[in-house]
Protein backbone atom coordinates (compact mmCIF):
# COMPACT_ATOMS: atom_id res chain seq x y z
CA MET A 1 -36.09 51.21 91.62
CA SER A 2 -38.00 52.89 94.15
CA ASP A 3 -37.01 54.30 97.20
CA ASP A 4 -39.14 51.94 99.21
CA ASP A 5 -37.48 48.96 97.53
CA ARG A 6 -33.71 50.04 98.51
CA PRO A 7 -32.44 47.98 101.39
CA GLU A 8 -31.67 49.78 104.30
CA PRO A 9 -27.87 50.18 105.26
CA GLU A 10 -28.07 47.65 108.14
CA ASP A 11 -29.58 45.09 105.49
CA PHE A 12 -27.25 45.90 102.81
CA ALA A 13 -24.06 45.26 105.36
CA GLU A 14 -25.71 42.08 106.29
CA MET A 15 -25.94 40.82 102.73
CA LEU A 16 -22.31 41.55 101.89
CA ARG A 17 -21.34 39.59 105.27
CA ASN A 18 -23.53 36.66 104.33
CA LEU A 19 -22.18 36.89 100.48
CA LEU A 20 -18.81 36.76 102.34
CA GLY A 21 -19.29 33.34 103.53
CA GLY A 22 -20.36 34.32 107.27
CA GLN A 23 -23.80 32.96 106.95
CA GLY A 24 -23.60 30.48 104.08
CA GLY A 25 -23.08 32.75 101.10
CA LEU A 26 -25.57 33.30 98.71
CA ALA A 27 -27.75 30.29 100.46
CA GLY A 28 -27.78 32.60 103.64
CA LEU A 29 -29.85 35.30 101.92
CA ASP A 30 -33.80 35.09 102.24
CA PRO A 31 -35.88 35.67 98.90
CA GLU A 32 -36.35 39.21 100.13
CA GLN A 33 -32.40 39.94 100.11
CA LEU A 34 -32.07 37.97 96.73
CA GLU A 35 -34.75 40.37 95.12
CA GLN A 36 -33.11 43.48 96.69
CA LEU A 37 -29.86 42.41 94.71
CA ARG A 38 -31.84 42.11 91.37
CA GLY A 39 -33.32 45.57 92.17
CA LEU A 40 -30.08 47.15 92.32
CA GLY A 41 -29.34 45.58 88.81
CA LEU A 42 -26.99 42.91 90.37
CA ASP A 43 -27.01 39.43 89.51
CA PRO A 44 -26.80 37.40 92.72
CA ALA A 45 -24.68 34.52 91.28
CA MET A 46 -22.10 37.05 89.89
CA VAL A 47 -21.86 38.96 93.20
CA GLN A 48 -21.37 35.70 95.21
CA GLN A 49 -18.36 34.79 92.50
CA MET A 50 -16.85 37.95 93.04
CA MET A 51 -17.00 38.02 96.92
CA ARG A 52 -15.66 34.01 96.49
CA GLN A 53 -12.65 35.84 94.90
CA LEU A 54 -12.35 38.37 97.56
CA GLN A 55 -12.95 36.31 100.59
CA GLY A 56 -9.41 35.74 101.58
CA ALA A 57 -8.81 39.51 101.41
CA PHE A 58 -11.40 40.44 103.62
CA ALA A 59 -11.00 40.89 107.57
CA ALA A 60 -13.06 37.86 109.19
CA GLY A 61 -15.26 40.59 111.11
CA GLY A 62 -15.42 43.35 108.45
CA ASP A 63 -14.66 45.86 111.16
CA GLY A 64 -12.43 48.06 109.08
CA SER A 65 -9.15 46.70 110.25
CA ILE A 66 -6.53 45.25 108.18
CA ASP A 67 -6.14 41.45 107.87
CA TRP A 68 -2.58 40.90 108.56
CA SER A 69 -2.83 37.21 108.99
CA ALA A 70 -3.00 37.23 105.00
CA ALA A 71 0.56 38.63 104.98
CA ARG A 72 1.78 35.75 107.30
CA THR A 73 -0.07 33.29 105.24
CA GLN A 74 1.14 34.10 102.08
CA ALA A 75 4.61 34.78 103.09
CA LEU A 76 5.21 31.23 104.92
CA HIS A 77 3.61 29.84 101.92
CA LEU A 78 6.40 31.00 99.63
CA ALA A 79 8.87 30.68 102.42
CA ASN A 80 8.40 27.03 103.01
CA LYS A 81 7.87 26.27 99.56
CA ASP A 82 11.35 24.91 98.60
CA SER A 83 12.68 25.56 102.15
CA HIS A 84 15.04 22.83 103.39
CA ALA A 85 15.47 21.76 107.03
CA ILE A 86 18.76 22.32 108.90
CA ASP A 87 20.55 19.02 109.39
CA SER A 88 22.88 18.34 112.38
CA GLY A 89 26.07 18.51 110.06
CA VAL A 90 25.11 21.96 108.85
CA ARG A 91 24.31 23.04 112.26
CA ALA A 92 27.46 22.13 113.55
CA ASP A 93 29.28 23.72 110.74
CA PHE A 94 27.24 26.73 111.70
CA ASP A 95 28.23 26.71 115.36
CA ARG A 96 31.92 26.48 114.66
CA ALA A 97 31.71 29.39 112.34
CA VAL A 98 29.84 31.41 114.84
CA SER A 99 32.32 30.46 117.69
CA LEU A 100 35.31 31.52 115.75
CA ALA A 101 33.54 34.68 114.55
CA THR A 102 32.60 35.80 118.01
CA LEU A 103 36.33 35.66 119.09
CA TRP A 104 37.48 37.66 116.13
CA LEU A 105 34.98 40.23 116.60
CA SER A 106 35.84 40.79 120.12
CA GLU A 107 39.31 41.86 118.84
CA ALA A 108 37.78 44.25 116.27
CA THR A 109 35.20 46.29 118.39
CA ALA A 110 34.56 47.24 121.82
CA ILE A 111 31.03 46.29 121.74
CA SER A 112 30.31 43.39 124.11
CA GLU A 113 28.91 40.09 123.02
CA LEU A 114 25.36 39.10 122.35
CA PRO A 115 23.77 37.36 125.43
CA SER A 116 22.96 34.31 123.59
CA PRO A 117 24.74 32.51 120.57
CA ALA A 118 23.57 33.19 116.94
CA ARG A 119 21.25 30.59 115.65
CA ALA A 120 20.63 28.88 111.90
CA VAL A 121 17.28 29.52 110.76
CA THR A 122 15.08 28.42 107.84
CA ARG A 123 13.32 30.47 105.56
CA GLY A 124 10.33 30.14 107.21
CA GLN A 125 11.62 30.82 110.57
CA TRP A 126 13.16 34.17 109.33
CA VAL A 127 9.58 35.04 108.29
CA GLU A 128 8.08 34.27 111.81
CA SER A 129 10.85 36.41 113.50
CA THR A 130 10.91 39.58 111.07
CA LEU A 131 7.09 39.90 109.96
CA PRO A 132 6.05 41.87 113.06
CA VAL A 133 8.49 44.68 111.99
CA TRP A 134 7.78 44.52 108.33
CA GLN A 135 3.88 45.00 109.43
CA GLU A 136 4.79 47.98 111.73
CA LEU A 137 6.74 49.51 108.71
CA ALA A 138 4.29 48.92 106.21
CA GLU A 139 1.01 49.79 108.01
CA PRO A 140 1.17 53.50 107.48
CA VAL A 141 1.15 52.91 103.67
CA ALA A 142 -1.46 50.31 103.89
CA THR A 143 -3.86 52.46 106.08
CA SER A 144 -3.35 55.26 103.46
CA ILE A 145 -4.08 53.11 100.57
CA ALA A 146 -7.22 51.30 101.91
CA ASP A 147 -8.80 54.78 102.95
CA ALA A 148 -7.82 56.43 99.56
CA LEU A 149 -9.49 53.04 97.83
CA THR A 150 -12.69 53.22 99.87
CA GLU A 151 -12.96 56.75 99.15
CA ALA A 152 -12.50 56.20 95.25
CA ILE A 153 -14.66 53.31 94.87
CA GLY A 154 -17.43 55.11 96.87
CA THR A 155 -17.57 58.02 94.48
CA GLN A 156 -18.09 55.44 91.54
CA LEU A 157 -21.24 53.93 92.91
CA PRO A 158 -24.83 54.48 91.71
CA ASP A 159 -26.75 57.07 93.77
CA GLU A 160 -29.11 54.36 94.88
CA MET A 161 -26.27 52.36 96.36
CA ARG A 162 -24.02 55.07 97.92
CA ALA A 163 -26.33 55.35 100.67
CA ALA A 164 -26.46 51.76 101.28
CA ALA A 165 -22.86 51.21 101.15
CA ALA A 166 -22.14 53.99 103.68
CA SER A 167 -22.59 51.87 106.88
CA ALA A 168 -20.90 48.84 104.87
CA GLY A 169 -17.97 51.03 104.27
CA ARG A 170 -15.73 49.32 107.01
CA VAL A 171 -16.40 45.95 105.07
CA MET A 172 -15.40 47.68 102.01
CA ARG A 173 -12.47 49.42 103.21
CA THR A 174 -10.68 45.85 103.95
CA VAL A 175 -10.41 45.25 100.30
CA GLY A 176 -7.45 47.74 99.57
CA GLY A 177 -5.99 47.07 103.19
CA SER A 178 -6.15 43.32 102.85
CA LEU A 179 -4.95 43.23 99.23
CA PHE A 180 -1.95 45.17 100.34
CA ALA A 181 -1.31 42.85 103.18
CA ALA A 182 -1.19 40.05 100.94
CA GLN A 183 1.14 41.71 98.74
CA LEU A 184 3.33 42.25 101.48
CA GLY A 185 3.25 38.82 102.24
CA SER A 186 4.44 37.90 98.92
CA VAL A 187 7.41 40.39 99.05
CA VAL A 188 8.50 39.20 102.40
CA GLY A 189 8.29 35.53 101.21
CA ALA A 190 10.31 36.34 98.09
CA LEU A 191 12.67 38.07 100.63
CA SER A 192 13.08 35.01 102.51
CA LEU A 193 14.51 33.23 99.48
CA GLU A 194 17.16 36.07 99.09
CA VAL A 195 18.55 37.38 102.53
CA ILE A 196 21.40 35.45 103.96
CA SER A 197 21.22 36.74 107.54
CA GLY A 198 18.67 38.74 109.67
CA GLY A 199 20.65 41.85 109.35
CA ASP A 200 20.99 41.55 105.52
CA VAL A 201 18.37 44.15 104.85
CA GLY A 202 20.06 46.66 106.64
CA ILE A 203 17.05 47.66 109.44
CA PRO A 204 16.75 46.05 112.85
CA LEU A 205 14.14 43.03 111.85
CA MET A 206 15.09 40.59 114.41
CA PRO A 207 13.99 40.67 117.96
CA ASP A 208 16.46 42.67 120.13
CA GLY A 209 19.94 40.72 120.80
CA GLU A 210 19.31 37.99 118.32
CA ALA A 211 21.57 37.23 115.44
CA ALA A 212 20.56 34.57 112.67
CA LEU A 213 21.88 32.95 109.47
CA LEU A 214 19.85 31.19 106.59
CA PRO A 215 22.43 28.67 105.58
CA GLN A 216 20.21 27.61 102.72
CA ASN A 217 20.65 31.01 101.21
CA PHE A 218 24.11 31.98 101.90
CA ALA A 219 24.74 28.58 100.12
CA ASP A 220 22.95 29.76 96.98
CA PHE A 221 24.86 33.20 97.33
CA GLY A 222 28.34 31.73 97.30
CA ARG A 223 27.73 29.38 94.58
CA ASP A 224 28.68 31.61 91.91
CA LEU A 225 31.51 33.19 93.61
CA GLU A 226 33.75 30.02 93.82
CA ILE A 227 34.87 30.58 97.44
CA ASP A 228 35.17 28.12 100.10
CA GLU A 229 32.07 27.57 102.17
CA ASP A 230 33.78 27.61 105.51
CA GLN A 231 35.34 31.11 104.73
CA LEU A 232 31.92 32.40 103.31
CA ALA A 233 30.03 31.05 106.55
CA LEU A 234 32.80 32.98 108.61
CA TYR A 235 32.62 36.17 106.92
CA VAL A 236 28.50 36.01 106.88
CA ALA A 237 28.47 35.17 110.58
CA THR A 238 31.08 38.05 111.53
CA ARG A 239 28.77 40.60 109.93
CA GLU A 240 25.55 39.42 111.36
CA LEU A 241 27.17 39.23 114.71
CA ALA A 242 28.48 42.89 114.37
CA HIS A 243 25.08 44.04 113.11
CA ALA A 244 23.03 42.48 116.18
CA ARG A 245 25.85 43.84 118.79
CA LEU A 246 25.57 47.25 117.53
CA PHE A 247 21.70 47.32 118.07
CA ARG A 248 22.05 45.74 121.38
CA HIS A 249 24.50 47.89 122.51
CA ALA A 250 22.83 51.18 121.35
CA ARG A 251 19.44 50.46 122.80
CA TRP A 252 18.20 53.71 121.43
CA LEU A 253 19.23 52.87 117.66
CA ARG A 254 16.44 50.43 116.96
CA LEU A 255 13.65 52.73 117.76
CA HIS A 256 15.51 55.62 115.99
CA VAL A 257 15.60 53.56 112.85
CA ILE A 258 12.27 52.35 112.71
CA SER A 259 10.95 55.91 113.64
CA GLN A 260 12.74 57.18 110.49
CA VAL A 261 11.09 54.47 108.31
CA THR A 262 7.70 55.28 109.57
CA GLU A 263 8.19 58.85 109.30
CA PHE A 264 8.81 58.41 105.89
CA ALA A 265 5.88 55.96 105.42
CA ARG A 266 3.31 58.42 107.04
CA GLY A 267 4.26 61.05 104.64
CA LEU A 268 3.32 58.97 101.60
CA ARG A 269 0.41 60.19 99.70
CA VAL A 270 -2.00 58.21 97.15
CA ASP A 271 -2.09 59.32 93.61
CA THR A 272 -6.05 59.92 93.63
CA ASP A 273 -6.12 60.45 89.89
CA ALA A 274 -4.52 57.03 89.30
CA LEU A 275 -6.94 55.62 92.21
CA GLU A 276 -10.15 57.15 90.68
CA ASP A 277 -9.36 55.82 87.29
CA MET A 278 -8.79 52.56 88.19
CA ALA A 279 -12.12 52.58 90.49
CA THR A 280 -13.95 53.60 87.15
CA ARG A 281 -13.10 49.99 85.88
CA PHE A 282 -12.50 48.15 89.07
CA ASP A 283 -13.85 44.58 88.91
CA PRO A 284 -13.78 42.78 92.34
CA SER A 285 -14.07 39.39 90.96
CA SER A 286 -10.74 40.21 88.84
CA PRO A 287 -8.58 42.24 91.27
CA GLU A 288 -5.36 41.33 89.22
CA GLU A 289 -4.98 44.86 88.28
CA LEU A 290 -5.17 46.45 91.42
CA ARG A 291 -2.68 44.08 92.79
CA ASP A 292 -0.10 44.79 90.11
CA ALA A 293 -0.75 48.57 90.78
CA LEU A 294 0.09 48.06 94.59
CA GLN A 295 3.19 45.96 93.81
CA SER A 296 4.49 48.24 91.26
CA GLY A 297 4.07 51.53 93.20
CA ALA A 298 1.74 52.97 90.63
CA LEU A 299 -0.91 54.11 93.31
CA LEU A 300 1.98 56.09 95.31
CA ASP A 301 2.08 59.95 94.59
CA THR A 302 5.28 61.84 93.60
CA ARG A 303 7.29 62.46 96.96
CA SER A 304 7.03 65.83 98.59
CA GLU A 305 9.83 67.86 99.51
CA ALA A 306 9.51 66.65 103.28
CA GLN A 307 9.45 63.04 102.07
CA VAL A 308 12.69 63.78 100.16
CA ALA A 309 14.42 65.23 103.16
CA ALA A 310 13.17 62.42 105.38
CA LEU A 311 14.55 59.82 102.91
CA SER A 312 17.87 61.61 102.78
CA ARG A 313 18.19 61.43 106.52
CA LEU A 314 17.22 57.69 106.74
CA GLU A 315 19.75 57.02 104.06
CA ASN A 316 22.56 58.67 105.82
CA LEU A 317 21.29 56.76 109.03
CA LEU A 318 21.40 53.38 107.20
CA ALA A 319 24.42 54.31 105.76
CA THR A 320 26.40 55.09 108.80
CA ILE A 321 25.18 51.90 110.47
CA GLU A 322 26.30 49.62 107.42
CA GLY A 323 29.51 51.62 107.20
CA TRP A 324 30.48 50.73 110.74
CA VAL A 325 29.46 47.11 110.17
CA ASP A 326 31.69 46.87 107.02
CA VAL A 327 34.85 48.28 108.74
CA VAL A 328 34.39 46.00 111.86
CA THR A 329 33.63 43.17 109.83
CA ALA A 330 36.71 43.79 107.31
CA ASP A 331 39.09 44.27 110.68
CA ALA A 332 37.78 41.07 112.18
CA THR A 333 37.99 38.89 109.14
CA HIS A 334 41.29 40.03 108.07
CA ARG A 335 42.73 36.44 108.47
CA LEU A 336 40.51 35.10 105.74
CA PRO A 337 42.11 35.13 102.18
CA ASP A 338 39.07 35.79 100.29
CA ALA A 339 37.62 38.56 102.66
CA PRO A 340 37.94 41.39 100.45
CA ARG A 341 36.20 39.35 97.47
CA ILE A 342 33.21 38.25 99.65
CA ALA A 343 33.10 42.09 101.05
CA GLU A 344 32.92 43.44 97.55
CA ALA A 345 30.53 40.82 96.63
CA VAL A 346 28.13 41.81 99.54
CA ARG A 347 28.52 45.48 98.82
CA ARG A 348 27.46 44.93 95.41
CA ARG A 349 24.63 43.06 96.09
CA ARG A 350 23.31 45.40 98.97
CA ALA A 351 23.82 48.23 96.07
CA VAL A 352 21.90 46.45 93.76
CA GLY A 353 19.55 44.57 95.89
CA GLY A 354 17.68 41.52 94.59
CA PRO A 355 14.04 41.43 92.81
CA ALA A 356 12.23 41.03 96.16
CA GLU A 357 14.05 44.08 97.60
CA ARG A 358 13.07 45.89 94.71
CA ALA A 359 9.75 44.78 95.08
CA MET A 360 9.59 46.13 98.53
CA GLY A 361 10.68 49.45 97.46
CA SER A 362 7.91 49.59 95.09
CA LEU A 363 5.38 48.60 97.44
CA VAL A 364 6.37 51.00 100.15
CA GLY A 365 7.75 53.59 98.29
CA LEU A 366 11.10 53.01 100.35
CA GLU A 367 14.34 51.50 98.95
CA LEU A 368 16.42 50.24 101.94
CA ARG A 369 19.76 50.28 100.15
CA PRO A 370 22.04 53.01 101.55
CA ARG A 371 23.52 54.99 98.58
CA ARG A 372 26.42 56.49 100.62
CA LEU A 373 27.46 53.31 102.00
CA ARG A 374 31.28 53.60 100.65
CA GLU A 375 31.71 57.15 102.11
CA ALA A 376 30.23 56.08 105.37
CA ALA A 377 32.82 53.30 105.57
CA ALA A 378 35.49 55.55 104.45
CA MET A 379 34.74 57.73 107.47
CA TRP A 380 34.70 55.05 109.82
CA ARG A 381 38.16 53.72 108.49
CA ALA A 382 39.53 57.20 109.30
CA VAL A 383 38.12 57.25 112.55
CA THR A 384 39.44 53.68 113.52
CA ASP A 385 42.89 54.65 112.05
CA ALA A 386 42.87 57.82 114.06
CA VAL A 387 41.57 57.38 117.61
CA GLY A 388 41.34 53.08 117.68
CA ALA A 389 38.18 51.08 118.03
CA THR A 390 37.29 52.12 121.55
CA ALA A 391 36.96 55.64 120.73
CA ARG A 392 35.24 54.78 117.75
CA ASP A 393 32.89 52.73 119.36
CA SER A 394 32.00 55.15 121.77
CA LEU A 395 30.09 57.26 119.35
CA TRP A 396 27.35 54.76 119.28
CA ASP A 397 27.07 55.55 123.20
CA TYR A 398 24.43 58.13 123.26
CA PRO A 399 22.29 59.49 120.01
CA ASP A 400 23.91 62.85 120.14
CA LEU A 401 27.46 61.29 119.34
CA MET A 402 26.39 59.58 116.41
CA PRO A 403 28.39 60.81 113.34
CA THR A 404 26.09 63.05 111.00
CA ALA A 405 25.72 63.46 107.41
CA GLY A 406 28.16 66.26 107.39
CA ASP A 407 30.68 63.91 109.36
CA ILE A 408 30.56 61.72 106.15
CA ASP A 409 31.33 64.33 103.99
CA ASP A 410 34.26 65.88 106.19
CA PRO A 411 35.54 62.81 108.35
CA ALA A 412 38.65 64.82 108.83
CA ALA A 413 36.65 67.24 111.04
CA LEU A 414 35.41 64.52 113.03
CA VAL A 415 38.67 62.95 113.65
CA GLU A 416 40.02 66.34 114.76
CA ARG A 417 36.96 66.37 117.71
CA LEU A 418 37.73 63.15 118.77
CA GLN A 419 41.56 63.56 118.98
CA ALA A 420 41.02 66.68 120.72
CA ARG A 421 38.75 64.66 123.25
CA GLN A 422 41.38 62.20 123.83
CA ARG A 423 43.77 65.07 124.50
CA GLY A 424 41.19 66.51 127.27
CA GLU A 425 40.74 69.73 125.26
CA THR A 426 37.29 71.27 125.35
CA PRO A 427 35.80 71.33 122.03
CA GLU A 428 35.01 74.60 120.29
CA ARG A 429 31.61 75.95 120.88
CA ASP A 430 29.34 75.97 117.67
CA ALA A 431 25.97 77.39 116.93
CA MET A 432 24.15 74.57 118.59
CA ASP A 433 26.14 75.35 122.08
CA ASP A 434 25.10 78.97 121.94
CA ALA A 435 21.19 77.91 121.09
CA LEU A 436 21.09 75.63 123.93
CA ASP A 437 22.60 78.47 126.51
CA ALA A 438 20.03 80.77 125.16
CA LEU A 439 17.22 78.45 125.79
CA LEU A 440 18.21 77.47 129.23
CA ALA A 441 18.87 80.92 130.03
CA GLU A 442 15.16 81.90 128.71
CA ALA A 443 13.89 79.02 130.91
CA THR A 444 15.36 80.23 134.18
CA ASP A 445 14.28 83.65 133.38
CA ASP A 446 10.75 82.86 132.97
CA ARG A 447 10.56 80.86 136.49
CA PRO A 448 8.03 82.43 138.73
CA ASP A 449 10.76 82.15 141.70
CA ALA A 450 13.56 83.42 139.57
CA GLY A 451 15.36 86.29 141.27
CA ALA A 452 16.46 86.47 144.99
CA ASP A 453 16.26 82.80 145.51
CA ASP A 454 18.90 82.35 142.87
CA GLU A 455 21.53 83.91 144.84
CA LEU A 456 24.19 82.00 146.53
CA PRO A 457 23.69 81.11 150.16
CA PRO A 458 25.86 82.82 152.60
CA GLU A 459 28.96 81.02 153.68
CA GLY A 460 28.60 78.77 156.77
CA PRO A 461 27.70 75.42 157.70
CA ARG A 462 25.06 73.72 155.60
CA PRO A 463 21.89 72.83 157.45
CA VAL A 464 21.75 68.93 158.03
């Protein structure tokens, strides 16, 4: 094919848009454009079939952005497939459980009630409420994969197509990103079949101040436990309310968790060797291999040292949160005969995770199960027994008061500090105090007006 016969970049991009259905698909191409496709060694009918397979994965405008509507469509399709409406009887039972759980929880924690009552939701409603947070968490990974896929496929194109495809790169970039979005939707939709409450996954997915339960799912969860449904509903409602109360009380905590997750996600890198190997045999008309690779996490590179450190910080944070929820829920539900059995079932479920949660871990490279949950719960129990619920809950008032990983390792030191504070004793200075004083002193010395003006004013009446 001579240079004169090659399509201009703008023409090539326009042909892609036509084939994507924007201008009638293959029928929208004029004879000259059809001839250009044949000149590139491409069968126009085959190309249209390929594009039809990917139409749902491409962004409508082809502007290079990720079409997150595919995630919503896929998630709702799975969530609503076998979803049951919440009838009036179930809702009445749920409302009674929430009312009693609210009273019990107020005895176990000093953190105030929610501004609005918890609500029973369907699987589809859970998807609608939580999908914006899932999108925020997954976007860094989706962007990284989309960019890497575009670059890898571009290196596999023949020379005569590479220049023409350059201006259509934004259209091509949507393949990886939109396929990732569809996979995210599949995982979130599958999660909607497993979760029993809004905070069940451990991160703040629900809007601020909202608590929710999925009656259909916790009925399935309790079926094999042989536990009275009323007890199960009371326990799950108490735990969900405790989780939602904590995040509403500690306004900074939600941003702290989301920031930790996105920090981890932004550090993920794509395995370029695996991606380039896939690009050599990538068949857009049959993208199953790419979908499988996305869902299995095969395209994500080995974690760096920074990634391991970020994951460790996140795990400690989630364990600290979940440990507090465990202890408060246990204290609030001590009247329930089967509360210990339900607590252990919830704990094991959180430790193992369901199939959808494991799929989420593979998709974004992140496991949301706190590995140190038992140690964190033991720390909170020791604090509660030593200083009481009010002093314990005050640790959530400010970020710098929250227990650290070292406190999980050595609860006795944390208890000693809290008891000293209750006695009105000044805590011992540590390296952080010395470093802060040095920083403040340095900042004072560097002020241009530091010196004479810093002297104390003479005694006498202050000017009005």
